[in-house]
Amino acid sequence: MTVEAVLDVAIETIWTIIITSAPLLIVSLIVGLVISIFQAVTSIQEQTLTFVPKILAIFICILIFGSFILNTIVDFMTELWNSFGDYL
């Protein structure tokens, strides 16, 4: 297995991780920002206030984007296992 092949697999792996985690991270970021603005406006400085809305938002996001995430990971693993003979 050459250095180029290892780098190609590593780049594709990192890209798959970024693509599959982006929807959840973006939703978490937006919910956290909205809660932080709400806390600043109302002067509520409770640190645990962000946990429940973030958990609910992530759960809903998993329900919406779960099939996309699963299909992306399955496609990546299928391609990786199909080209396993080329790496040996």
PDB file of N, CA and C in Angstrom:
ATOM      1  N   MET A   1       0.844  -1.168   0.000  1.00  0.00           N
ATOM      2  CA  MET A   1       0.000   0.000   0.000  1.00  0.00           C
ATOM      3  C   MET A   1       0.892   1.234   0.000  1.00  0.00           C
ATOM      4  N   THR A   2       0.657   2.114  -0.937  1.00  0.00           N
ATOM      5  CA  THR A   2       1.519   3.280  -1.087  1.00  0.00           C
ATOM      6  C   THR A   2       1.067   4.404  -0.156  1.00  0.00           C
ATOM      7  N   VAL A   3       1.919   5.379  -0.057  1.00  0.00           N
ATOM      8  CA  VAL A   3       1.623   6.548   0.772  1.00  0.00           C
ATOM      9  C   VAL A   3       0.416   7.305   0.210  1.00  0.00           C
ATOM     10  N   GLU A   4       0.324   7.380  -1.109  1.00  0.00           N
ATOM     11  CA  GLU A   4      -0.791   8.080  -1.743  1.00  0.00           C
ATOM     12  C   GLU A   4      -2.120   7.402  -1.431  1.00  0.00           C
ATOM     13  N   ALA A   5      -2.135   6.072  -1.422  1.00  0.00           N
ATOM     14  CA  ALA A   5      -3.363   5.340  -1.109  1.00  0.00           C
ATOM     15  C   ALA A   5      -3.780   5.569   0.340  1.00  0.00           C
ATOM     16  N   VAL A   6      -2.813   5.589   1.241  1.00  0.00           N
ATOM     17  CA  VAL A   6      -3.116   5.844   2.648  1.00  0.00           C
ATOM     18  C   VAL A   6      -3.672   7.254   2.816  1.00  0.00           C
ATOM     19  N   LEU A   7      -3.068   8.225   2.144  1.00  0.00           N
ATOM     20  CA  LEU A   7      -3.545   9.593   2.230  1.00  0.00           C
ATOM     21  C   LEU A   7      -4.941   9.738   1.633  1.00  0.00           C
ATOM     22  N   ASP A   8      -5.210   9.039   0.525  1.00  0.00           N
ATOM     23  CA  ASP A   8      -6.542   9.087  -0.069  1.00  0.00           C
ATOM     24  C   ASP A   8      -7.599   8.531   0.878  1.00  0.00           C
ATOM     25  N   VAL A   9      -7.296   7.416   1.519  1.00  0.00           N
ATOM     26  CA  VAL A   9      -8.241   6.829   2.475  1.00  0.00           C
ATOM     27  C   VAL A   9      -8.422   7.755   3.670  1.00  0.00           C
ATOM     28  N   ALA A  10      -7.336   8.351   4.154  1.00  0.00           N
ATOM     29  CA  ALA A  10      -7.424   9.254   5.298  1.00  0.00           C
ATOM     30  C   ALA A  10      -8.244  10.498   4.962  1.00  0.00           C
ATOM     31  N   ILE A  11      -8.026  11.058   3.789  1.00  0.00           N
ATOM     32  CA  ILE A  11      -8.770  12.241   3.373  1.00  0.00           C
ATOM     33  C   ILE A  11     -10.250  11.914   3.222  1.00  0.00           C
ATOM     34  N   GLU A  12     -10.554  10.786   2.610  1.00  0.00           N
ATOM     35  CA  GLU A  12     -11.953  10.387   2.441  1.00  0.00           C
ATOM     36  C   GLU A  12     -12.617  10.105   3.791  1.00  0.00           C
ATOM     37  N   THR A  13     -11.863   9.531   4.723  1.00  0.00           N
ATOM     38  CA  THR A  13     -12.395   9.273   6.059  1.00  0.00           C
ATOM     39  C   THR A  13     -12.700  10.571   6.791  1.00  0.00           C
ATOM     40  N   ILE A  14     -11.783  11.501   6.763  1.00  0.00           N
ATOM     41  CA  ILE A  14     -12.001  12.788   7.430  1.00  0.00           C
ATOM     42  C   ILE A  14     -13.163  13.539   6.792  1.00  0.00           C
ATOM     43  N   TRP A  15     -13.265  13.498   5.469  1.00  0.00           N
ATOM     44  CA  TRP A  15     -14.360  14.167   4.779  1.00  0.00           C
ATOM     45  C   TRP A  15     -15.709  13.533   5.157  1.00  0.00           C
ATOM     46  N   THR A  16     -15.747  12.211   5.284  1.00  0.00           N
ATOM     47  CA  THR A  16     -16.974  11.528   5.690  1.00  0.00           C
ATOM     48  C   THR A  16     -17.351  11.915   7.116  1.00  0.00           C
ATOM     49  N   ILE A  17     -16.384  12.023   7.999  1.00  0.00           N
ATOM     50  CA  ILE A  17     -16.659  12.442   9.372  1.00  0.00           C
ATOM     51  C   ILE A  17     -17.221  13.855   9.405  1.00  0.00           C
ATOM     52  N   ILE A  18     -16.653  14.740   8.620  1.00  0.00           N
ATOM     53  CA  ILE A  18     -17.124  16.125   8.580  1.00  0.00           C
ATOM     54  C   ILE A  18     -18.547  16.194   8.038  1.00  0.00           C
ATOM     55  N   ILE A  19     -18.814  15.480   6.950  1.00  0.00           N
ATOM     56  CA  ILE A  19     -20.140  15.508   6.327  1.00  0.00           C
ATOM     57  C   ILE A  19     -21.197  14.924   7.254  1.00  0.00           C
ATOM     58  N   THR A  20     -20.876  13.846   7.953  1.00  0.00           N
ATOM     59  CA  THR A  20     -21.882  13.205   8.797  1.00  0.00           C
ATOM     60  C   THR A  20     -22.098  13.943  10.119  1.00  0.00           C
ATOM     61  N   SER A  21     -21.106  14.643  10.611  1.00  0.00           N
ATOM     62  CA  SER A  21     -21.277  15.339  11.887  1.00  0.00           C
ATOM     63  C   SER A  21     -21.744  16.781  11.723  1.00  0.00           C
ATOM     64  N   ALA A  22     -21.662  17.333  10.539  1.00  0.00           N
ATOM     65  CA  ALA A  22     -22.000  18.740  10.327  1.00  0.00           C
ATOM     66  C   ALA A  22     -23.437  19.096  10.697  1.00  0.00           C
ATOM     67  N   PRO A  23     -24.454  18.326  10.284  1.00  0.00           N
ATOM     68  CA  PRO A  23     -25.819  18.731  10.653  1.00  0.00           C
ATOM     69  C   PRO A  23     -26.035  18.808  12.164  1.00  0.00           C
ATOM     70  N   LEU A  24     -25.522  17.843  12.896  1.00  0.00           N
ATOM     71  CA  LEU A  24     -25.701  17.848  14.348  1.00  0.00           C
ATOM     72  C   LEU A  24     -24.942  18.998  14.999  1.00  0.00           C
ATOM     73  N   LEU A  25     -23.732  19.254  14.545  1.00  0.00           N
ATOM     74  CA  LEU A  25     -22.940  20.333  15.129  1.00  0.00           C
ATOM     75  C   LEU A  25     -23.533  21.703  14.825  1.00  0.00           C
ATOM     76  N   ILE A  26     -24.045  21.876  13.614  1.00  0.00           N
ATOM     77  CA  ILE A  26     -24.631  23.166  13.242  1.00  0.00           C
ATOM     78  C   ILE A  26     -25.891  23.436  14.059  1.00  0.00           C
ATOM     79  N   VAL A  27     -26.744  22.421  14.204  1.00  0.00           N
ATOM     80  CA  VAL A  27     -27.963  22.593  15.012  1.00  0.00           C
ATOM     81  C   VAL A  27     -27.599  22.889  16.460  1.00  0.00           C
ATOM     82  N   SER A  28     -26.633  22.179  16.999  1.00  0.00           N
ATOM     83  CA  SER A  28     -26.204  22.419  18.381  1.00  0.00           C
ATOM     84  C   SER A  28     -25.653  23.835  18.539  1.00  0.00           C
ATOM     85  N   LEU A  29     -24.896  24.291  17.567  1.00  0.00           N
ATOM     86  CA  LEU A  29     -24.344  25.643  17.611  1.00  0.00           C
ATOM     87  C   LEU A  29     -25.446  26.690  17.571  1.00  0.00           C
ATOM     88  N   ILE A  30     -26.423  26.512  16.702  1.00  0.00           N
ATOM     89  CA  ILE A  30     -27.512  27.484  16.571  1.00  0.00           C
ATOM     90  C   ILE A  30     -28.352  27.523  17.847  1.00  0.00           C
ATOM     91  N   VAL A  31     -28.694  26.358  18.392  1.00  0.00           N
ATOM     92  CA  VAL A  31     -29.485  26.315  19.622  1.00  0.00           C
ATOM     93  C   VAL A  31     -28.705  26.947  20.776  1.00  0.00           C
ATOM     94  N   GLY A  32     -27.433  26.661  20.880  1.00  0.00           N
ATOM     95  CA  GLY A  32     -26.612  27.263  21.924  1.00  0.00           C
ATOM     96  C   GLY A  32     -26.525  28.773  21.798  1.00  0.00           C
ATOM     97  N   LEU A  33     -26.428  29.261  20.551  1.00  0.00           N
ATOM     98  CA  LEU A  33     -26.373  30.703  20.321  1.00  0.00           C
ATOM     99  C   LEU A  33     -27.691  31.376  20.709  1.00  0.00           C
ATOM    100  N   VAL A  34     -28.804  30.747  20.331  1.00  0.00           N
ATOM    101  CA  VAL A  34     -30.117  31.311  20.679  1.00  0.00           C
ATOM    102  C   VAL A  34     -30.305  31.338  22.194  1.00  0.00           C
ATOM    103  N   ILE A  35     -29.935  30.266  22.875  1.00  0.00           N
ATOM    104  CA  ILE A  35     -30.057  30.223  24.331  1.00  0.00           C
ATOM    105  C   ILE A  35     -29.134  31.250  24.977  1.00  0.00           C
ATOM    106  N   SER A  36     -27.940  31.423  24.448  1.00  0.00           N
ATOM    107  CA  SER A  36     -27.010  32.414  25.000  1.00  0.00           C
ATOM    108  C   SER A  36     -27.552  33.829  24.832  1.00  0.00           C
ATOM    109  N   ILE A  37     -28.143  34.115  23.685  1.00  0.00           N
ATOM    110  CA  ILE A  37     -28.752  35.439  23.481  1.00  0.00           C
ATOM    111  C   ILE A  37     -29.912  35.627  24.451  1.00  0.00           C
ATOM    112  N   PHE A  38     -30.732  34.586  24.628  1.00  0.00           N
ATOM    113  CA  PHE A  38     -31.844  34.649  25.574  1.00  0.00           C
ATOM    114  C   PHE A  38     -31.336  34.897  26.991  1.00  0.00           C
ATOM    115  N   GLN A  39     -30.262  34.237  27.380  1.00  0.00           N
ATOM    116  CA  GLN A  39     -29.699  34.433  28.714  1.00  0.00           C
ATOM    117  C   GLN A  39     -29.145  35.845  28.885  1.00  0.00           C
ATOM    118  N   ALA A  40     -28.545  36.380  27.833  1.00  0.00           N
ATOM    119  CA  ALA A  40     -27.994  37.730  27.923  1.00  0.00           C
ATOM    120  C   ALA A  40     -29.102  38.772  28.023  1.00  0.00           C
ATOM    121  N   VAL A  41     -30.186  38.562  27.300  1.00  0.00           N
ATOM    122  CA  VAL A  41     -31.292  39.526  27.310  1.00  0.00           C
ATOM    123  C   VAL A  41     -32.028  39.501  28.647  1.00  0.00           C
ATOM    124  N   THR A  42     -32.237  38.304  29.202  1.00  0.00           N
ATOM    125  CA  THR A  42     -33.017  38.187  30.438  1.00  0.00           C
ATOM    126  C   THR A  42     -32.149  38.183  31.691  1.00  0.00           C
ATOM    127  N   SER A  43     -30.856  38.247  31.548  1.00  0.00           N
ATOM    128  CA  SER A  43     -29.907  38.221  32.675  1.00  0.00           C
ATOM    129  C   SER A  43     -30.013  36.946  33.500  1.00  0.00           C
ATOM    130  N   ILE A  44     -30.421  35.865  32.891  1.00  0.00           N
ATOM    131  CA  ILE A  44     -30.434  34.564  33.550  1.00  0.00           C
ATOM    132  C   ILE A  44     -29.074  33.920  33.284  1.00  0.00           C
ATOM    133  N   GLN A  45     -28.336  33.620  34.322  1.00  0.00           N
ATOM    134  CA  GLN A  45     -26.997  33.062  34.154  1.00  0.00           C
ATOM    135  C   GLN A  45     -26.930  31.615  34.639  1.00  0.00           C
ATOM    136  N   GLU A  46     -27.919  30.842  34.324  1.00  0.00           N
ATOM    137  CA  GLU A  46     -27.950  29.435  34.708  1.00  0.00           C
ATOM    138  C   GLU A  46     -27.213  28.616  33.649  1.00  0.00           C
ATOM    139  N   GLN A  47     -26.161  27.916  34.040  1.00  0.00           N
ATOM    140  CA  GLN A  47     -25.333  27.170  33.097  1.00  0.00           C
ATOM    141  C   GLN A  47     -26.033  25.932  32.551  1.00  0.00           C
ATOM    142  N   THR A  48     -26.945  25.354  33.330  1.00  0.00           N
ATOM    143  CA  THR A  48     -27.600  24.117  32.898  1.00  0.00           C
ATOM    144  C   THR A  48     -28.784  24.365  31.985  1.00  0.00           C
ATOM    145  N   LEU A  49     -29.126  25.621  31.721  1.00  0.00           N
ATOM    146  CA  LEU A  49     -30.278  25.944  30.888  1.00  0.00           C
ATOM    147  C   LEU A  49     -30.104  25.486  29.443  1.00  0.00           C
ATOM    148  N   THR A  50     -28.899  25.377  28.966  1.00  0.00           N
ATOM    149  CA  THR A  50     -28.681  25.024  27.560  1.00  0.00           C
ATOM    150  C   THR A  50     -28.766  23.527  27.293  1.00  0.00           C
ATOM    151  N   PHE A  51     -28.654  22.688  28.318  1.00  0.00           N
ATOM    152  CA  PHE A  51     -28.565  21.244  28.081  1.00  0.00           C
ATOM    153  C   PHE A  51     -29.839  20.645  27.518  1.00  0.00           C
ATOM    154  N   VAL A  52     -30.973  20.921  28.114  1.00  0.00           N
ATOM    155  CA  VAL A  52     -32.226  20.298  27.681  1.00  0.00           C
ATOM    156  C   VAL A  52     -32.606  20.728  26.266  1.00  0.00           C
ATOM    157  N   PRO A  53     -32.579  22.025  25.918  1.00  0.00           N
ATOM    158  CA  PRO A  53     -32.895  22.379  24.531  1.00  0.00           C
ATOM    159  C   PRO A  53     -31.923  21.784  23.515  1.00  0.00           C
ATOM    160  N   LYS A  54     -30.637  21.715  23.877  1.00  0.00           N
ATOM    161  CA  LYS A  54     -29.663  21.124  22.951  1.00  0.00           C
ATOM    162  C   LYS A  54     -29.919  19.633  22.764  1.00  0.00           C
ATOM    163  N   ILE A  55     -30.225  18.930  23.843  1.00  0.00           N
ATOM    164  CA  ILE A  55     -30.496  17.494  23.732  1.00  0.00           C
ATOM    165  C   ILE A  55     -31.723  17.248  22.877  1.00  0.00           C
ATOM    166  N   LEU A  56     -32.781  18.033  23.105  1.00  0.00           N
ATOM    167  CA  LEU A  56     -33.991  17.888  22.297  1.00  0.00           C
ATOM    168  C   LEU A  56     -33.730  18.213  20.827  1.00  0.00           C
ATOM    169  N   ALA A  57     -32.967  19.270  20.574  1.00  0.00           N
ATOM    170  CA  ALA A  57     -32.660  19.654  19.195  1.00  0.00           C
ATOM    171  C   ALA A  57     -31.812  18.588  18.503  1.00  0.00           C
ATOM    172  N   ILE A  58     -30.847  18.032  19.204  1.00  0.00           N
ATOM    173  CA  ILE A  58     -30.009  16.979  18.624  1.00  0.00           C
ATOM    174  C   ILE A  58     -30.841  15.732  18.344  1.00  0.00           C
ATOM    175  N   PHE A  59     -31.741  15.387  19.252  1.00  0.00           N
ATOM    176  CA  PHE A  59     -32.607  14.223  19.045  1.00  0.00           C
ATOM    177  C   PHE A  59     -33.483  14.414  17.808  1.00  0.00           C
ATOM    178  N   ILE A  60     -34.081  15.581  17.661  1.00  0.00           N
ATOM    179  CA  ILE A  60     -34.902  15.859  16.476  1.00  0.00           C
ATOM    180  C   ILE A  60     -34.047  15.855  15.214  1.00  0.00           C
ATOM    181  N   CYS A  61     -32.841  16.391  15.325  1.00  0.00           N
ATOM    182  CA  CYS A  61     -31.926  16.409  14.177  1.00  0.00           C
ATOM    183  C   CYS A  61     -31.524  14.988  13.778  1.00  0.00           C
ATOM    184  N   ILE A  62     -31.333  14.112  14.745  1.00  0.00           N
ATOM    185  CA  ILE A  62     -31.009  12.720  14.436  1.00  0.00           C
ATOM    186  C   ILE A  62     -32.191  12.046  13.741  1.00  0.00           C
ATOM    187  N   LEU A  63     -33.413  12.367  14.189  1.00  0.00           N
ATOM    188  CA  LEU A  63     -34.593  11.812  13.523  1.00  0.00           C
ATOM    189  C   LEU A  63     -34.691  12.283  12.073  1.00  0.00           C
ATOM    190  N   ILE A  64     -34.339  13.530  11.825  1.00  0.00           N
ATOM    191  CA  ILE A  64     -34.445  14.087  10.476  1.00  0.00           C
ATOM    192  C   ILE A  64     -33.286  13.629   9.592  1.00  0.00           C
ATOM    193  N   PHE A  65     -32.055  13.735  10.087  1.00  0.00           N
ATOM    194  CA  PHE A  65     -30.867  13.466   9.280  1.00  0.00           C
ATOM    195  C   PHE A  65     -30.277  12.081   9.494  1.00  0.00           C
ATOM    196  N   GLY A  66     -30.922  11.248  10.303  1.00  0.00           N
ATOM    197  CA  GLY A  66     -30.366   9.937  10.623  1.00  0.00           C
ATOM    198  C   GLY A  66     -30.156   9.050   9.422  1.00  0.00           C
ATOM    199  N   SER A  67     -31.125   9.043   8.505  1.00  0.00           N
ATOM    200  CA  SER A  67     -30.975   8.186   7.325  1.00  0.00           C
ATOM    201  C   SER A  67     -29.842   8.672   6.425  1.00  0.00           C
ATOM    202  N   PHE A  68     -29.685   9.991   6.306  1.00  0.00           N
ATOM    203  CA  PHE A  68     -28.581  10.537   5.514  1.00  0.00           C
ATOM    204  C   PHE A  68     -27.236  10.146   6.123  1.00  0.00           C
ATOM    205  N   ILE A  69     -27.115  10.284   7.441  1.00  0.00           N
ATOM    206  CA  ILE A  69     -25.865   9.944   8.126  1.00  0.00           C
ATOM    207  C   ILE A  69     -25.566   8.461   7.972  1.00  0.00           C
ATOM    208  N   LEU A  70     -26.580   7.621   8.191  1.00  0.00           N
ATOM    209  CA  LEU A  70     -26.382   6.176   8.087  1.00  0.00           C
ATOM    210  C   LEU A  70     -26.015   5.771   6.664  1.00  0.00           C
ATOM    211  N   ASN A  71     -26.706   6.313   5.670  1.00  0.00           N
ATOM    212  CA  ASN A  71     -26.403   5.978   4.278  1.00  0.00           C
ATOM    213  C   ASN A  71     -25.005   6.418   3.877  1.00  0.00           C
ATOM    214  N   THR A  72     -24.583   7.576   4.355  1.00  0.00           N
ATOM    215  CA  THR A  72     -23.239   8.067   4.044  1.00  0.00           C
ATOM    216  C   THR A  72     -22.173   7.151   4.631  1.00  0.00           C
ATOM    217  N   ILE A  73     -22.359   6.745   5.877  1.00  0.00           N
ATOM    218  CA  ILE A  73     -21.386   5.860   6.519  1.00  0.00           C
ATOM    219  C   ILE A  73     -21.387   4.482   5.875  1.00  0.00           C
ATOM    220  N   VAL A  74     -22.562   3.959   5.557  1.00  0.00           N
ATOM    221  CA  VAL A  74     -22.640   2.638   4.903  1.00  0.00           C
ATOM    222  C   VAL A  74     -21.993   2.686   3.526  1.00  0.00           C
ATOM    223  N   ASP A  75     -22.231   3.750   2.755  1.00  0.00           N
ATOM    224  CA  ASP A  75     -21.594   3.877   1.436  1.00  0.00           C
ATOM    225  C   ASP A  75     -20.077   3.936   1.561  1.00  0.00           C
ATOM    226  N   PHE A  76     -19.591   4.685   2.554  1.00  0.00           N
ATOM    227  CA  PHE A  76     -18.151   4.785   2.757  1.00  0.00           C
ATOM    228  C   PHE A  76     -17.559   3.431   3.119  1.00  0.00           C
ATOM    229  N   MET A  77     -18.200   2.724   4.050  1.00  0.00           N
ATOM    230  CA  MET A  77     -17.675   1.423   4.470  1.00  0.00           C
ATOM    231  C   MET A  77     -17.763   0.390   3.342  1.00  0.00           C
ATOM    232  N   THR A  78     -18.830   0.438   2.563  1.00  0.00           N
ATOM    233  CA  THR A  78     -18.948  -0.484   1.421  1.00  0.00           C
ATOM    234  C   THR A  78     -17.838  -0.237   0.409  1.00  0.00           C
ATOM    235  N   GLU A  79     -17.579   1.034   0.116  1.00  0.00           N
ATOM    236  CA  GLU A  79     -16.495   1.359  -0.816  1.00  0.00           C
ATOM    237  C   GLU A  79     -15.141   0.940  -0.255  1.00  0.00           C
ATOM    238  N   LEU A  80     -14.964   1.130   1.039  1.00  0.00           N
ATOM    239  CA  LEU A  80     -13.696   0.757   1.672  1.00  0.00           C
ATOM    240  C   LEU A  80     -13.486  -0.751   1.644  1.00  0.00           C
ATOM    241  N   TRP A  81     -14.520  -1.517   1.960  1.00  0.00           N
ATOM    242  CA  TRP A  81     -14.385  -2.974   1.954  1.00  0.00           C
ATOM    243  C   TRP A  81     -14.266  -3.520   0.536  1.00  0.00           C
ATOM    244  N   ASN A  82     -14.932  -2.889  -0.434  1.00  0.00           N
ATOM    245  CA  ASN A  82     -14.817  -3.356  -1.818  1.00  0.00           C
ATOM    246  C   ASN A  82     -13.417  -3.124  -2.387  1.00  0.00           C
ATOM    247  N   SER A  83     -12.743  -2.085  -1.924  1.00  0.00           N
ATOM    248  CA  SER A  83     -11.392  -1.816  -2.411  1.00  0.00           C
ATOM    249  C   SER A  83     -10.315  -2.358  -1.480  1.00  0.00           C
ATOM    250  N   PHE A  84     -10.711  -3.220  -0.553  1.00  0.00           N
ATOM    251  CA  PHE A  84      -9.760  -3.786   0.401  1.00  0.00           C
ATOM    252  C   PHE A  84      -8.682  -4.612  -0.297  1.00  0.00           C
ATOM    253  N   GLY A  85      -9.054  -5.314  -1.347  1.00  0.00           N
ATOM    254  CA  GLY A  85      -8.077  -6.133  -2.085  1.00  0.00           C
ATOM    255  C   GLY A  85      -7.017  -5.272  -2.768  1.00  0.00           C
ATOM    256  N   ASP A  86      -7.394  -4.079  -3.189  1.00  0.00           N
ATOM    257  CA  ASP A  86      -6.423  -3.178  -3.831  1.00  0.00           C
ATOM    258  C   ASP A  86      -5.373  -2.677  -2.849  1.00  0.00           C
ATOM    259  N   TYR A  87      -5.743  -2.603  -1.567  1.00  0.00           N
ATOM    260  CA  TYR A  87      -4.802  -2.080  -0.577  1.00  0.00           C
ATOM    261  C   TYR A  87      -3.781  -3.120  -0.126  1.00  0.00           C
ATOM    262  N   LEU A  88      -4.080  -4.383  -0.360  1.00  0.00           N
ATOM    263  CA  LEU A  88      -3.137  -5.430   0.048  1.00  0.00           C
ATOM    264  C   LEU A  88      -2.109  -5.636  -0.956  1.00  0.00           C
TER     265      LEU A  88
END
